[in-house]
Amino acid sequence: EARELENNISEFKNVESTLIFNTGYMTNLGVIYALTKENDVIFSDQLNHASIIDGTRISKAKVKVYKHKDTEDLERLIQIELEESTKNNEEKNNNSNFFIVSDGVFSMDGDIAPLPELVEIADNYNCTLIIDEAHATGVIGKNGKGTVEYYKDKTGIDLTDSVDLQIGTLSKALASEGGFVCGKQVYIDYLINKSRPFIFSTALSPSTIASANTALNLLKENSKEYLDNLNINTRIMRKLLVDGGLNVIDGETPIIPIIIGPADLANRFSNQLKEEGILVSAIRPPSVPKDMSRLRLTIMASHTKEEIEFTAKAIIKIWKNIKKGNE
C-alpha cells in the first residue's frame, strides 16, 4: 500500500521518487535535519510554516531568514555568506552546502512563492532548493500538481527538475493524514537511511494510506472539474467580501485572509460566526504579527454557490455590526 501511494505521488508530481512520513510536520523536521550539517547554511523565507522553522532550529546548520518573497534580500544574504567563507579561507563547495527553503503557497496569506526567481538563484549559487507544497498540491496548477505546474501554466517553462525536493501533506487536498517528500532519487535514498523521524516513527496505517491514494486518484481523474469549481468559488467569495468592505489580502488561492486587527476583535468575530453556523478560525499572534489578527477562510471545490453567498453575507453583516459598536 505504501509503495503504491509513493509511486502514485511520484507519477503525479513527475519526479523520480517519494517517501511517506507520518505527518507533514515531521516530514519537514526529518528532511531538513537529515540533509543539513554544521557549516551548512539554510536560507528560509520569513513567513515559512512552523514545521520548516522548527526543522531549521534543530538542525546544526546556520540559518538566515530572508524577507518574505524578497529574492534580492535572499541573494544579498547568500553573497554575504560567500564573502565570509572567502575571508575564512573556506571553499563553499568543499566545506558547506547552501539550502533555500520556501513554502510554495504560504499558509497565512495564501500568496505564492516566486519559484522562477528561487530556481535561478539556486542554480547560480549551487543551492539545494526545497519547496513545501502543503497548501499547493491539489490546489494550484491546471491539474492541481502545485507550484511547479502553476508556473509552467503561466510561463511554459517546466521547473520540475530544478526543484530538488517537494514537501507535501496528505491531510489537506488529499483528505487523509500524513506527509511526503518527493524529488530526486539520490535525496530520497539518503533520507530512507538518515531521517530519524522516518526511521523511528510508526508508519501510517494501511487504511490511511488507502484513503490518501483514493483521494489522489480522484484528483487525477477529475482535476479539471475540481480545479474549475475551486477557482470559481474562490473568485466569487473574494469579490463578495471585497465589495462588502472587508480588508481581504489580495491573491488567487483559496486561502482568503480577512484582516481584522486586534486579537480580541478577531475572536469575537469568529465566535459570532459560529453562532450563525459558520466555522472560521481566528488566527492570532504568534501565528501572525501583532495587530494583524485575521479570519482565515479556506474555500473548497464542493462549496455550493448558496453556501458561499450565505457565508459572505454573514461575515459582512457581523463586520458592520462590530464597526458600529466600536464607533
Protein backbone atom coordinates (compact mmCIF):
# COMPACT_ATOMS: atom_id res chain seq x y z
CA GLU A 1 0.00 0.00 0.00
CA ALA A 2 2.71 2.49 0.99
CA ARG A 3 4.84 1.81 -2.06
CA GLU A 4 1.78 2.12 -4.30
CA LEU A 5 0.99 5.57 -2.85
CA GLU A 6 4.61 6.67 -3.14
CA ASN A 7 4.71 5.62 -6.79
CA ASN A 8 1.39 7.36 -7.41
CA ILE A 9 2.67 10.63 -5.92
CA SER A 10 5.89 10.36 -7.96
CA GLU A 11 3.88 9.93 -11.15
CA PHE A 12 1.54 12.80 -10.25
CA LYS A 13 4.43 15.15 -9.46
CA ASN A 14 6.60 13.93 -12.39
CA VAL A 15 9.53 13.18 -10.07
CA GLU A 16 11.86 10.24 -9.55
CA SER A 17 10.87 9.08 -6.08
CA THR A 18 8.71 9.71 -2.99
CA LEU A 19 8.94 8.89 0.70
CA ILE A 20 5.94 8.94 3.06
CA PHE A 21 6.14 10.25 6.63
CA ASN A 22 3.54 10.05 9.40
CA THR A 23 2.79 13.83 9.35
CA GLY A 24 3.64 16.82 7.23
CA TYR A 25 5.25 18.47 10.25
CA MET A 26 7.57 15.51 10.81
CA THR A 27 8.41 15.48 7.10
CA ASN A 28 9.95 18.94 7.29
CA LEU A 29 11.78 18.13 10.51
CA GLY A 30 13.03 14.83 9.13
CA VAL A 31 14.17 16.22 5.79
CA ILE A 32 15.86 19.42 6.97
CA TYR A 33 17.62 17.82 9.94
CA ALA A 34 18.86 14.84 7.92
CA LEU A 35 20.18 16.80 4.93
CA THR A 36 21.99 19.60 6.75
CA LYS A 37 25.14 19.60 8.84
CA GLU A 38 27.30 22.05 10.77
CA ASN A 39 28.85 24.61 8.36
CA ASP A 40 25.84 24.39 6.04
CA VAL A 41 23.59 27.44 5.61
CA ILE A 42 19.80 27.39 5.31
CA PHE A 43 18.08 30.40 3.72
CA SER A 44 14.47 30.40 4.89
CA ASP A 45 11.57 32.68 3.92
CA GLN A 46 10.37 34.91 6.74
CA LEU A 47 6.81 33.52 6.57
CA ASN A 48 7.60 29.83 6.19
CA HIS A 49 5.47 27.31 8.06
CA ALA A 50 6.32 26.48 11.68
CA SER A 51 7.46 22.99 10.68
CA ILE A 52 10.15 24.49 8.44
CA ILE A 53 11.17 26.92 11.16
CA ASP A 54 11.44 24.11 13.71
CA GLY A 55 13.35 21.95 11.24
CA THR A 56 15.92 24.70 10.78
CA ARG A 57 16.15 25.26 14.54
CA ILE A 58 17.01 21.65 15.36
CA SER A 59 19.48 21.39 12.50
CA LYS A 60 23.15 22.13 13.12
CA ALA A 61 23.24 24.50 10.15
CA LYS A 62 23.45 28.28 10.23
CA VAL A 63 20.02 29.78 9.47
CA LYS A 64 19.47 33.01 7.56
CA VAL A 65 15.92 34.33 7.26
CA TYR A 66 15.21 36.47 4.20
CA LYS A 67 12.38 38.97 3.84
CA HIS A 68 9.14 37.46 2.62
CA LYS A 69 9.36 36.60 -1.09
CA ASP A 70 12.21 39.11 -1.43
CA THR A 71 14.67 37.42 -3.78
CA GLU A 72 17.00 40.43 -3.72
CA ASP A 73 17.34 40.05 0.04
CA LEU A 74 17.88 36.30 -0.41
CA GLU A 75 20.68 36.88 -2.91
CA ARG A 76 22.22 39.53 -0.65
CA LEU A 77 22.35 37.08 2.26
CA ILE A 78 23.87 34.37 0.07
CA GLN A 79 26.58 36.75 -1.13
CA ILE A 80 27.37 37.73 2.47
CA GLU A 81 27.81 34.07 3.38
CA LEU A 82 30.08 33.52 0.38
CA GLU A 83 32.21 36.53 1.35
CA GLU A 84 32.52 35.27 4.92
CA SER A 85 33.58 31.87 3.64
CA THR A 86 36.26 33.51 1.49
CA LYS A 87 37.54 35.54 4.43
CA ASN A 88 37.87 32.34 6.43
CA ASN A 89 39.69 30.70 3.52
CA GLU A 90 36.88 28.21 3.09
CA GLU A 91 35.71 26.99 -0.28
CA LYS A 92 31.92 26.89 -0.16
CA ASN A 93 31.58 23.87 -2.42
CA ASN A 94 34.06 21.87 -0.34
CA ASN A 95 33.04 22.76 3.21
CA SER A 96 29.39 23.76 3.23
CA ASN A 97 26.15 23.38 1.37
CA PHE A 98 23.57 26.08 0.86
CA PHE A 99 19.83 25.33 1.10
CA ILE A 100 16.90 27.52 0.07
CA VAL A 101 13.62 26.52 1.74
CA SER A 102 10.26 28.12 0.98
CA ASP A 103 6.57 27.41 1.14
CA GLY A 104 5.01 27.12 -2.31
CA VAL A 105 1.74 28.63 -1.09
CA PHE A 106 2.06 30.46 2.23
CA SER A 107 -0.43 29.29 4.81
CA MET A 108 -1.41 32.56 6.48
CA ASP A 109 -1.58 34.96 3.49
CA GLY A 110 -2.30 32.46 0.70
CA ASP A 111 0.28 34.03 -1.62
CA ILE A 112 2.55 32.06 -3.95
CA ALA A 113 6.35 31.84 -3.80
CA PRO A 114 8.37 33.39 -6.68
CA LEU A 115 9.58 29.98 -7.84
CA PRO A 116 11.30 31.00 -11.12
CA GLU A 117 13.47 33.51 -9.25
CA LEU A 118 14.23 31.00 -6.49
CA VAL A 119 15.28 28.45 -9.13
CA GLU A 120 17.56 30.99 -10.82
CA ILE A 121 19.25 31.89 -7.54
CA ALA A 122 19.60 28.23 -6.54
CA ASP A 123 21.23 27.48 -9.91
CA ASN A 124 23.55 30.49 -9.75
CA TYR A 125 24.82 29.72 -6.26
CA ASN A 126 24.62 25.91 -6.30
CA CYS A 127 21.92 25.75 -3.61
CA THR A 128 19.63 22.83 -2.83
CA LEU A 129 16.05 24.05 -3.35
CA ILE A 130 13.25 22.67 -1.15
CA ILE A 131 9.64 23.77 -1.67
CA ASP A 132 6.84 22.96 0.79
CA GLU A 133 3.72 22.18 -1.24
CA ALA A 134 1.32 21.53 1.65
CA HIS A 135 -1.10 24.26 0.53
CA ALA A 136 -0.30 23.97 -3.19
CA THR A 137 -0.80 20.29 -4.02
CA GLY A 138 -4.34 19.74 -5.29
CA VAL A 139 -4.93 23.48 -5.26
CA ILE A 140 -2.88 25.34 -7.90
CA GLY A 141 -1.79 24.38 -11.39
CA LYS A 142 -4.29 23.27 -14.02
CA ASN A 143 -4.13 19.68 -12.75
CA GLY A 144 -3.53 20.54 -9.11
CA LYS A 145 0.12 19.48 -9.20
CA GLY A 146 1.24 22.55 -7.28
CA THR A 147 3.62 25.45 -7.62
CA VAL A 148 5.78 23.95 -10.38
CA GLU A 149 2.74 23.37 -12.58
CA TYR A 150 1.31 26.79 -11.72
CA TYR A 151 4.38 28.49 -13.19
CA LYS A 152 4.52 26.10 -16.12
CA ASP A 153 0.96 27.17 -16.98
CA LYS A 154 1.99 30.84 -16.77
CA THR A 155 5.40 30.72 -18.46
CA GLY A 156 5.54 27.47 -20.40
CA ILE A 157 8.74 26.54 -18.56
CA ASP A 158 8.83 23.27 -16.60
CA LEU A 159 10.84 23.75 -13.39
CA THR A 160 10.30 20.21 -12.06
CA ASP A 161 13.95 19.17 -12.38
CA SER A 162 15.13 22.46 -10.87
CA VAL A 163 13.37 21.81 -7.56
CA ASP A 164 15.40 19.26 -5.63
CA LEU A 165 12.68 18.28 -3.17
CA GLN A 166 8.98 18.97 -2.74
CA ILE A 167 7.43 18.52 0.69
CA GLY A 168 3.73 17.72 0.94
CA THR A 169 0.93 16.67 3.22
CA LEU A 170 -1.81 14.09 2.81
CA SER A 171 -4.12 15.95 5.21
CA LYS A 172 -5.34 18.86 3.10
CA ALA A 173 -6.42 18.39 -0.54
CA LEU A 174 -5.80 14.64 -0.24
CA ALA A 175 -8.18 14.37 2.72
CA SER A 176 -6.24 11.87 4.79
CA GLU A 177 -3.25 12.24 7.12
CA GLY A 178 0.50 12.02 6.80
CA GLY A 179 3.21 13.75 4.82
CA PHE A 180 5.58 13.08 1.96
CA VAL A 181 8.78 14.28 0.36
CA CYS A 182 9.37 13.74 -3.33
CA GLY A 183 12.04 14.59 -5.86
CA LYS A 184 15.41 13.29 -6.93
CA GLN A 185 16.18 9.65 -6.14
CA VAL A 186 19.55 10.41 -4.56
CA TYR A 187 17.90 12.54 -1.86
CA ILE A 188 15.14 10.01 -1.17
CA ASP A 189 17.65 7.17 -0.83
CA TYR A 190 19.65 9.25 1.63
CA LEU A 191 16.56 10.13 3.69
CA ILE A 192 15.47 6.49 3.93
CA ASN A 193 18.74 5.77 5.71
CA LYS A 194 19.31 9.01 7.62
CA SER A 195 15.97 10.65 8.51
CA ARG A 196 15.31 9.76 12.15
CA PRO A 197 11.61 10.78 12.19
CA PHE A 198 11.08 8.40 9.26
CA ILE A 199 13.13 5.53 10.68
CA PHE A 200 11.93 5.66 14.29
CA SER A 201 8.25 6.60 13.89
CA THR A 202 5.30 4.27 13.44
CA ALA A 203 4.22 4.11 9.81
CA LEU A 204 0.80 5.22 8.63
CA SER A 205 -1.95 2.61 8.85
CA PRO A 206 -2.99 0.77 5.65
CA SER A 207 -6.44 2.40 5.81
CA THR A 208 -4.92 5.88 5.99
CA ILE A 209 -2.63 5.16 3.06
CA ALA A 210 -5.51 3.71 1.04
CA SER A 211 -7.69 6.76 1.65
CA ALA A 212 -4.90 9.10 0.53
CA ASN A 213 -4.30 7.01 -2.57
CA THR A 214 -8.01 7.03 -3.41
CA ALA A 215 -8.16 10.81 -2.96
CA LEU A 216 -5.14 11.26 -5.23
CA ASN A 217 -6.72 9.07 -7.90
CA LEU A 218 -9.94 11.09 -7.70
CA LEU A 219 -7.93 14.28 -8.10
CA LYS A 220 -6.10 12.89 -11.13
CA GLU A 221 -9.33 11.71 -12.75
CA ASN A 222 -11.40 14.83 -12.01
CA SER A 223 -8.80 17.60 -11.78
CA LYS A 224 -10.45 19.91 -14.33
CA GLU A 225 -13.84 19.77 -12.60
CA TYR A 226 -12.37 20.16 -9.11
CA LEU A 227 -9.99 22.98 -10.02
CA ASP A 228 -12.61 24.85 -12.07
CA ASN A 229 -15.09 24.70 -9.17
CA LEU A 230 -12.42 25.69 -6.67
CA ASN A 231 -11.27 28.70 -8.69
CA ILE A 232 -14.83 29.87 -9.39
CA ASN A 233 -15.79 29.59 -5.71
CA THR A 234 -12.63 31.43 -4.67
CA ARG A 235 -13.25 34.30 -7.09
CA ILE A 236 -16.89 34.64 -6.02
CA MET A 237 -16.05 34.72 -2.32
CA ARG A 238 -13.22 37.21 -2.77
CA LYS A 239 -15.42 39.56 -4.80
CA LEU A 240 -18.32 39.39 -2.33
CA LEU A 241 -16.07 40.15 0.63
CA VAL A 242 -14.19 43.00 -1.06
CA ASP A 243 -17.46 44.52 -2.30
CA GLY A 244 -18.74 44.24 1.27
CA GLY A 245 -15.91 46.39 2.59
CA LEU A 246 -13.74 43.70 4.18
CA ASN A 247 -9.95 44.05 4.24
CA VAL A 248 -9.05 40.97 2.19
CA ILE A 249 -5.43 40.20 1.30
CA ASP A 250 -5.24 40.03 -2.48
CA GLY A 251 -4.47 36.66 -4.04
CA GLU A 252 -5.68 33.82 -6.21
CA THR A 253 -5.53 30.79 -3.91
CA PRO A 254 -8.48 29.50 -1.83
CA ILE A 255 -6.80 30.72 1.37
CA ILE A 256 -8.62 34.02 1.94
CA PRO A 257 -7.34 36.09 4.89
CA ILE A 258 -9.61 38.83 6.22
CA ILE A 259 -7.52 41.24 8.28
CA ILE A 260 -9.34 42.26 11.47
CA GLY A 261 -6.54 43.77 13.58
CA PRO A 262 -6.73 43.24 17.35
CA ALA A 263 -6.81 39.63 18.53
CA ASP A 264 -9.85 40.11 20.78
CA LEU A 265 -11.83 41.53 17.87
CA ALA A 266 -10.92 38.58 15.66
CA ASN A 267 -12.00 36.18 18.43
CA ARG A 268 -15.32 37.97 18.83
CA PHE A 269 -15.86 37.88 15.07
CA SER A 270 -15.13 34.14 14.94
CA ASN A 271 -17.48 33.39 17.86
CA GLN A 272 -20.33 35.33 16.27
CA LEU A 273 -19.85 33.44 13.02
CA LYS A 274 -20.03 30.19 14.97
CA GLU A 275 -23.44 31.29 16.28
CA GLU A 276 -24.50 31.62 12.63
CA GLY A 277 -23.38 28.04 11.98
CA ILE A 278 -20.15 29.04 10.24
CA LEU A 279 -16.77 27.78 11.44
CA VAL A 280 -14.00 30.25 10.62
CA SER A 281 -10.94 30.24 12.86
CA ALA A 282 -9.42 33.44 14.21
CA ILE A 283 -5.67 33.49 13.58
CA ARG A 284 -3.83 35.44 16.28
CA PRO A 285 -0.25 36.09 17.42
CA PRO A 286 2.20 34.38 17.47
CA SER A 287 0.92 32.81 14.23
CA VAL A 288 0.64 36.30 12.71
CA PRO A 289 2.16 39.69 13.69
CA LYS A 290 0.57 41.86 16.38
CA ASP A 291 -2.50 43.79 15.17
CA MET A 292 -2.67 41.55 12.08
CA SER A 293 -5.12 39.02 13.56
CA ARG A 294 -7.45 37.71 10.93
CA LEU A 295 -10.17 35.35 9.89
CA ARG A 296 -8.76 32.72 7.58
CA LEU A 297 -11.23 31.25 5.15
CA THR A 298 -10.40 28.16 3.13
CA ILE A 299 -12.65 27.66 0.13
CA MET A 300 -13.48 24.18 -1.17
CA ALA A 301 -14.44 22.93 -4.61
CA SER A 302 -17.50 21.29 -3.06
CA HIS A 303 -18.92 24.51 -1.61
CA THR A 304 -22.18 25.47 -3.30
CA LYS A 305 -23.00 28.95 -4.54
CA GLU A 306 -25.62 29.19 -1.80
CA GLU A 307 -23.05 28.32 0.89
CA ILE A 308 -20.61 30.90 -0.46
CA GLU A 309 -23.25 33.64 -0.53
CA PHE A 310 -24.62 32.71 2.91
CA THR A 311 -21.15 32.85 4.45
CA ALA A 312 -20.22 36.13 2.77
CA LYS A 313 -23.48 37.79 3.88
CA ALA A 314 -22.96 36.66 7.47
CA ILE A 315 -19.37 37.94 7.53
CA ILE A 316 -20.36 41.31 6.07
CA LYS A 317 -23.31 41.67 8.48
CA ILE A 318 -21.24 40.87 11.57
CA TRP A 319 -18.42 43.16 10.42
CA LYS A 320 -20.81 46.09 10.01
CA ASN A 321 -22.28 45.45 13.47
CA ILE A 322 -18.82 45.26 15.05
CA LYS A 323 -17.78 48.51 13.35
CA LYS A 324 -20.93 50.23 14.62
CA GLY A 325 -20.23 49.04 18.15
CA ASN A 326 -16.70 50.45 18.02
CA GLU A 327 -17.70 53.86 16.70
